[in-house]
Amino acid sequence: MGRWTGSGVRQAAGGRAVALGALVVLAAGTVAVQAARDARYGALSDDTRLLYLRSGAVADRLALEYDALAADIYWMRAVIHYGGDRLHDPGEGRYELLHPLLDLTTTLDPLFQIAYRFGAVFLAEPPPGGPGRLDQAEALLMKGMATSPDKWQYPHDLGFLYYWQARDYETAAAWFRRASEVPGSPEWLGPVAAGMLARGGDRGAARQMLTRILEGADQAWLRDTALRWMRQLDALDQMDRLDEMLAEYHRRAGQRPASWGDLMRAGWIPGVPVDPAGYPYELNVTWSTTRLSPDSTLNPLPEEMAR
C-alpha cells in the first residue's frame, strides 16, 4: 500500500468518523427495537444463544481497521453473557459462549489485558458462579503470554487460579516462579512460590498471598476479587470460632442450642452472627455447626481450607 497524502488521511479520518457515527446510531436503534420486542413478546428463546462467527481470524479480516472497536463489542457481549447466566438458577447457567467470545475479543485486540485477566477469572469460577473451566482459563492466559511475554501478570494470574480453584499447589508454584522470572515483576513472587509448596492449602499462606496481591493490585477488579477471597477466609475463621462456642455451650448446658437465641440469652453473642458479606450464618441444630446462608455472596467456600 502506498504512502497516504494529507488529504487521504483526512478522507480516511472522515470515513472512520462516519462509520463510527453509523455504528452508534445502529446500536441505539438495536437497543430500542430489542426493548420494544421484549415488552411485546417476552424474552428471546434459546435459539438466540448463538454465535455465528467463531473464527477470530475471519472476524479480524471483516473488522478492517475497526478491530479494536469490534473487540470492545465482543468483550461487552462476553460480560453480559457471563452476568446473565450467573443470575439464572444454578442449573440453568451454561456459559457456553463465554470462551468463544473471549477468544474473539483477544484475537481482534491481542493487547486487551483486562479481557485476558478478567475473562480467565470468569472461566475458572466453579459452578454455579461460572463454568469451572480452568483449562479454558489457562488457554486464554497463555494466549496473552504469547502476545505479551513481558507481562508477569498473566503467569501470576494462572498461578493464583491453580492455587485457589484447583488446589494444585505444585503447578501454582511453578507459574508463580515463572512470573517472578519476568523482568520488572514484584520481588515477593519468588517467596510466595516457595511458601506455597511448603504450606499448601494453609489459610495463613493464602492470607499472606492475598495481602500481597491487595498491596500491588493495579486493577480494581483484581482488588475486588482478592477482597472476596479474603472475606471467604475470614468466614471460615469465624465459623471455626462459632463451632467452638457451640461445642462449649453443649458441654456446659448439657444440650445443643436450638437457635442462636440460646447463645444470645446466655450472653455469649450480642446478636445473630453474620458473615463478612453481611448475611446471617445458619445454625445446624442437629450437629451444632455453622454454615453460610445459601444467599451469601461468599458461596462457594474453598473446600480444602474448610474445617
Protein backbone atom coordinates (compact mmCIF):
# COMPACT_ATOMS: atom_id res chain seq x y z
CA MET A 1 0.00 0.00 0.00
CA GLY A 2 1.37 3.44 -0.95
CA ARG A 3 2.04 6.29 1.45
CA TRP A 4 -1.07 8.37 2.13
CA THR A 5 -1.19 12.07 1.38
CA GLY A 6 -2.57 14.61 3.83
CA SER A 7 -5.89 14.71 2.01
CA GLY A 8 -6.02 10.92 2.02
CA VAL A 9 -5.56 10.86 5.78
CA ARG A 10 -8.30 13.44 6.24
CA GLN A 11 -10.62 11.44 3.98
CA ALA A 12 -9.89 8.26 5.93
CA ALA A 13 -10.48 10.04 9.23
CA GLY A 14 -13.74 11.43 7.90
CA GLY A 15 -14.79 7.99 6.70
CA ARG A 16 -13.98 6.48 10.10
CA ALA A 17 -15.99 9.18 11.85
CA VAL A 18 -18.96 8.49 9.58
CA ALA A 19 -18.62 4.75 10.20
CA LEU A 20 -18.39 5.23 13.97
CA GLY A 21 -21.41 7.52 13.88
CA ALA A 22 -23.36 4.94 11.94
CA LEU A 23 -22.40 2.27 14.46
CA VAL A 24 -23.62 4.41 17.35
CA VAL A 25 -26.95 5.07 15.64
CA LEU A 26 -27.30 1.40 14.75
CA ALA A 27 -26.51 0.32 18.33
CA ALA A 28 -29.06 2.77 19.74
CA GLY A 29 -31.66 1.56 17.29
CA THR A 30 -30.94 -2.04 18.15
CA VAL A 31 -31.47 -1.37 21.85
CA ALA A 32 -34.76 0.38 21.18
CA VAL A 33 -36.03 -2.36 18.88
CA GLN A 34 -34.95 -5.07 21.35
CA ALA A 35 -36.69 -3.31 24.25
CA ALA A 36 -39.90 -2.97 22.25
CA ARG A 37 -39.70 -6.59 21.11
CA ASP A 38 -39.13 -7.90 24.65
CA ALA A 39 -42.00 -5.85 26.03
CA ARG A 40 -44.40 -7.27 23.46
CA TYR A 41 -43.23 -10.85 23.03
CA GLY A 42 -41.18 -11.66 26.13
CA ALA A 43 -37.62 -12.94 26.44
CA LEU A 44 -35.82 -14.44 23.47
CA SER A 45 -35.71 -18.22 23.14
CA ASP A 46 -32.57 -20.32 23.42
CA ASP A 47 -32.30 -20.19 19.63
CA THR A 48 -30.79 -16.73 20.02
CA ARG A 49 -27.90 -18.06 22.15
CA LEU A 50 -25.86 -18.47 19.02
CA LEU A 51 -22.52 -17.14 17.91
CA TYR A 52 -22.45 -17.18 14.13
CA LEU A 53 -18.84 -16.03 13.86
CA ARG A 54 -16.36 -18.07 15.89
CA SER A 55 -13.13 -17.62 13.92
CA GLY A 56 -11.01 -14.80 15.28
CA ALA A 57 -9.02 -14.64 12.03
CA VAL A 58 -12.20 -14.19 9.97
CA ALA A 59 -13.53 -11.61 12.43
CA ASP A 60 -10.25 -9.71 12.19
CA ARG A 61 -10.50 -9.56 8.39
CA LEU A 62 -14.13 -8.48 8.45
CA ALA A 63 -13.48 -5.75 11.01
CA LEU A 64 -10.96 -3.99 8.72
CA GLU A 65 -9.32 -1.18 10.69
CA TYR A 66 -12.10 -1.24 13.29
CA ASP A 67 -10.80 -4.36 15.05
CA ALA A 68 -10.37 -2.56 18.39
CA LEU A 69 -13.97 -1.36 18.26
CA ALA A 70 -15.14 -4.87 17.36
CA ALA A 71 -13.10 -6.25 20.29
CA ASP A 72 -14.88 -3.86 22.66
CA ILE A 73 -18.26 -5.07 21.36
CA TYR A 74 -17.38 -8.74 21.80
CA TRP A 75 -15.97 -8.01 25.28
CA MET A 76 -19.22 -6.31 26.31
CA ARG A 77 -21.14 -9.27 24.95
CA ALA A 78 -18.93 -11.66 26.95
CA VAL A 79 -19.58 -9.71 30.17
CA ILE A 80 -23.33 -9.63 29.50
CA HIS A 81 -23.38 -13.35 28.69
CA TYR A 82 -21.49 -14.22 31.88
CA GLY A 83 -23.60 -11.94 34.07
CA GLY A 84 -26.87 -13.17 32.57
CA ASP A 85 -26.08 -16.84 33.10
CA ARG A 86 -24.76 -16.16 36.61
CA LEU A 87 -28.13 -14.64 37.55
CA HIS A 88 -30.03 -17.74 36.41
CA ASP A 89 -30.93 -20.62 38.71
CA PRO A 90 -27.87 -22.81 39.38
CA GLY A 91 -28.98 -25.47 36.92
CA GLU A 92 -29.53 -23.03 34.08
CA GLY A 93 -26.25 -21.16 33.86
CA ARG A 94 -24.48 -22.60 30.86
CA TYR A 95 -21.79 -20.08 29.86
CA GLU A 96 -21.35 -21.91 26.55
CA LEU A 97 -20.48 -18.74 24.60
CA LEU A 98 -18.05 -17.35 27.16
CA HIS A 99 -14.81 -18.82 25.86
CA PRO A 100 -15.61 -18.23 22.15
CA LEU A 101 -16.49 -14.60 22.89
CA LEU A 102 -13.28 -14.08 24.87
CA ASP A 103 -11.24 -15.74 22.14
CA LEU A 104 -12.78 -13.42 19.53
CA THR A 105 -12.15 -10.40 21.75
CA THR A 106 -8.47 -11.17 22.28
CA THR A 107 -7.88 -12.10 18.64
CA LEU A 108 -9.31 -8.78 17.48
CA ASP A 109 -7.29 -6.92 20.12
CA PRO A 110 -4.31 -9.06 21.27
CA LEU A 111 -3.32 -6.39 23.82
CA PHE A 112 -6.70 -6.34 25.62
CA GLN A 113 -5.23 -7.08 29.06
CA ILE A 114 -8.46 -6.92 31.07
CA ALA A 115 -10.17 -9.37 28.70
CA TYR A 116 -7.43 -11.94 29.33
CA ARG A 117 -7.27 -11.46 33.09
CA PHE A 118 -10.90 -10.89 33.97
CA GLY A 119 -12.03 -13.42 31.36
CA ALA A 120 -9.82 -16.09 32.94
CA VAL A 121 -11.45 -15.48 36.33
CA PHE A 122 -14.89 -15.82 34.70
CA LEU A 123 -13.91 -19.10 33.07
CA ALA A 124 -12.32 -20.66 36.16
CA GLU A 125 -15.11 -19.73 38.59
CA PRO A 126 -16.74 -23.02 39.71
CA PRO A 127 -20.49 -23.65 39.15
CA PRO A 128 -22.93 -22.12 39.70
CA GLY A 129 -20.94 -18.87 39.57
CA GLY A 130 -19.12 -19.87 36.40
CA PRO A 131 -18.36 -22.76 34.06
CA GLY A 132 -15.44 -24.11 36.12
CA ARG A 133 -13.22 -24.38 33.03
CA LEU A 134 -9.70 -23.86 34.32
CA ASP A 135 -8.43 -25.41 31.09
CA GLN A 136 -10.03 -22.63 29.07
CA ALA A 137 -8.76 -20.02 31.52
CA GLU A 138 -5.25 -21.40 31.07
CA ALA A 139 -5.58 -21.34 27.28
CA LEU A 140 -6.72 -17.71 27.38
CA LEU A 141 -3.89 -16.57 29.66
CA MET A 142 -1.29 -18.49 27.67
CA LYS A 143 -2.58 -16.73 24.57
CA GLY A 144 -1.93 -13.45 26.37
CA MET A 145 1.56 -14.63 27.37
CA ALA A 146 2.38 -15.47 23.76
CA THR A 147 1.37 -11.98 22.70
CA SER A 148 2.91 -10.10 25.63
CA PRO A 149 5.70 -12.18 27.22
CA ASP A 150 6.73 -9.08 29.21
CA LYS A 151 3.50 -9.20 31.28
CA TRP A 152 4.20 -11.02 34.54
CA GLN A 153 0.52 -10.63 35.44
CA TYR A 154 -0.55 -13.47 33.13
CA PRO A 155 1.53 -16.28 34.70
CA HIS A 156 0.76 -14.74 38.10
CA ASP A 157 -3.00 -15.00 37.47
CA LEU A 158 -2.65 -18.54 36.20
CA GLY A 159 -0.71 -19.50 39.32
CA PHE A 160 -3.36 -17.99 41.52
CA LEU A 161 -6.18 -19.78 39.70
CA TYR A 162 -4.38 -23.11 40.10
CA TYR A 163 -3.87 -22.31 43.77
CA TRP A 164 -7.37 -21.12 44.56
CA GLN A 165 -9.62 -23.08 42.22
CA ALA A 166 -7.72 -26.32 41.57
CA ARG A 167 -5.75 -26.60 44.85
CA ASP A 168 -2.83 -27.74 42.68
CA TYR A 169 -0.07 -26.14 44.72
CA GLU A 170 2.84 -27.57 42.74
CA THR A 171 1.54 -26.24 39.41
CA ALA A 172 0.59 -22.95 41.05
CA ALA A 173 4.09 -22.53 42.48
CA ALA A 174 5.59 -23.23 39.05
CA TRP A 175 3.52 -20.45 37.47
CA PHE A 176 4.36 -18.02 40.27
CA ARG A 177 8.02 -18.87 39.81
CA ARG A 178 7.68 -18.22 36.07
CA ALA A 179 6.04 -14.89 36.81
CA SER A 180 8.91 -13.97 39.15
CA GLU A 181 11.38 -14.51 36.28
CA VAL A 182 9.76 -11.84 34.08
CA PRO A 183 11.82 -8.61 34.21
CA GLY A 184 10.11 -5.98 36.34
CA SER A 185 7.97 -8.43 38.30
CA PRO A 186 7.43 -7.85 42.06
CA GLU A 187 10.09 -9.24 44.39
CA TRP A 188 7.52 -11.08 46.52
CA LEU A 189 6.57 -13.57 43.80
CA GLY A 190 9.55 -15.85 44.46
CA PRO A 191 8.97 -16.23 48.22
CA VAL A 192 5.24 -16.77 47.62
CA ALA A 193 6.03 -19.67 45.26
CA ALA A 194 8.33 -21.23 47.84
CA GLY A 195 5.84 -20.78 50.68
CA MET A 196 3.08 -22.27 48.60
CA LEU A 197 4.98 -25.52 48.16
CA ALA A 198 5.81 -25.64 51.86
CA ARG A 199 2.38 -24.85 53.27
CA GLY A 200 -0.09 -25.99 50.63
CA GLY A 201 -3.70 -25.18 51.48
CA ASP A 202 -2.92 -23.46 54.76
CA ARG A 203 -5.17 -20.45 55.33
CA GLY A 204 -2.25 -18.42 56.65
CA ALA A 205 -0.36 -18.91 53.39
CA ALA A 206 -3.44 -17.96 51.40
CA ARG A 207 -3.98 -14.84 53.51
CA GLN A 208 -0.35 -13.83 53.09
CA MET A 209 -0.60 -14.18 49.31
CA LEU A 210 -3.88 -12.28 49.15
CA THR A 211 -2.38 -9.47 51.21
CA ARG A 212 0.48 -9.22 48.71
CA ILE A 213 -1.98 -9.09 45.83
CA LEU A 214 -4.05 -6.38 47.52
CA GLU A 215 -0.91 -4.31 48.13
CA GLY A 216 0.16 -4.46 44.49
CA ALA A 217 -3.14 -4.79 42.60
CA ASP A 218 -3.23 -2.31 39.73
CA GLN A 219 -6.78 -3.11 38.64
CA ALA A 220 -9.97 -2.53 40.64
CA TRP A 221 -11.42 -5.89 39.55
CA LEU A 222 -8.35 -7.77 40.78
CA ARG A 223 -8.55 -5.95 44.11
CA ASP A 224 -12.27 -6.77 44.41
CA THR A 225 -11.67 -10.43 43.58
CA ALA A 226 -8.86 -10.72 46.13
CA LEU A 227 -11.04 -8.99 48.75
CA ARG A 228 -13.83 -11.50 48.15
CA TRP A 229 -11.41 -14.39 48.61
CA MET A 230 -10.04 -12.75 51.76
CA ARG A 231 -13.58 -12.47 53.12
CA GLN A 232 -14.06 -16.18 52.42
CA LEU A 233 -11.04 -16.92 54.62
CA ASP A 234 -12.47 -14.61 57.30
CA ALA A 235 -15.77 -16.50 57.12
CA LEU A 236 -14.00 -19.84 57.61
CA ASP A 237 -12.20 -18.47 60.67
CA GLN A 238 -15.44 -17.07 62.09
CA MET A 239 -17.28 -20.37 61.60
CA ASP A 240 -14.47 -22.19 63.39
CA ARG A 241 -14.86 -19.88 66.40
CA LEU A 242 -18.66 -20.21 66.36
CA ASP A 243 -18.41 -24.00 66.21
CA GLU A 244 -16.09 -23.97 69.21
CA MET A 245 -18.61 -21.78 71.05
CA LEU A 246 -21.46 -24.15 70.15
CA ALA A 247 -19.48 -27.13 71.43
CA GLU A 248 -18.71 -25.32 74.68
CA TYR A 249 -22.40 -24.40 75.15
CA HIS A 250 -23.33 -28.05 74.64
CA ARG A 251 -20.74 -29.11 77.22
CA ARG A 252 -21.93 -26.63 79.83
CA ALA A 253 -25.70 -26.78 79.26
CA GLY A 254 -25.88 -30.50 78.57
CA GLN A 255 -27.88 -29.91 75.41
CA ARG A 256 -27.36 -28.46 71.97
CA PRO A 257 -28.57 -24.90 71.33
CA ALA A 258 -31.90 -24.79 69.48
CA SER A 259 -31.12 -21.44 67.88
CA TRP A 260 -28.71 -18.51 68.01
CA GLY A 261 -31.14 -17.08 70.58
CA ASP A 262 -29.88 -19.57 73.18
CA LEU A 263 -26.36 -18.15 72.89
CA MET A 264 -27.71 -14.60 72.88
CA ARG A 265 -29.67 -15.18 76.10
CA ALA A 266 -26.58 -16.72 77.66
CA GLY A 267 -24.69 -13.54 76.82
CA TRP A 268 -22.20 -15.29 74.55
CA ILE A 269 -23.05 -13.33 71.38
CA PRO A 270 -24.74 -9.91 71.02
CA GLY A 271 -26.94 -10.95 68.10
CA VAL A 272 -27.31 -13.33 65.19
CA PRO A 273 -23.79 -13.63 63.74
CA VAL A 274 -23.31 -12.52 60.15
CA ASP A 275 -20.61 -13.38 57.65
CA PRO A 276 -18.19 -10.76 56.22
CA ALA A 277 -20.61 -10.12 53.35
CA GLY A 278 -23.42 -9.29 55.80
CA TYR A 279 -25.51 -12.49 55.54
CA PRO A 280 -26.62 -14.30 58.75
CA TYR A 281 -24.91 -17.59 59.43
CA GLU A 282 -27.17 -20.63 59.57
CA LEU A 283 -27.09 -22.95 62.59
CA ASN A 284 -27.36 -26.69 62.03
CA VAL A 285 -29.16 -27.58 65.25
CA THR A 286 -28.64 -31.33 64.76
CA TRP A 287 -24.84 -31.17 64.72
CA SER A 288 -24.29 -27.74 66.28
CA THR A 289 -22.28 -26.49 63.32
CA THR A 290 -22.26 -23.22 61.42
CA ARG A 291 -22.70 -22.78 57.69
CA LEU A 292 -23.10 -19.96 55.21
CA SER A 293 -26.53 -18.86 54.12
CA PRO A 294 -27.31 -20.15 50.61
CA ASP A 295 -27.87 -16.50 49.67
CA SER A 296 -24.41 -15.39 50.76
CA THR A 297 -22.23 -13.94 48.01
CA LEU A 298 -19.28 -15.78 49.57
CA ASN A 299 -20.50 -19.14 48.25
CA PRO A 300 -18.92 -21.50 47.40
CA LEU A 301 -16.15 -21.60 50.01
CA PRO A 302 -12.79 -23.21 49.16
CA GLU A 303 -13.28 -26.80 50.29
CA GLU A 304 -9.69 -27.72 51.15
CA MET A 305 -9.43 -24.78 53.53
CA ALA A 306 -12.71 -25.61 55.25
CA ARG A 307 -12.95 -27.29 58.61
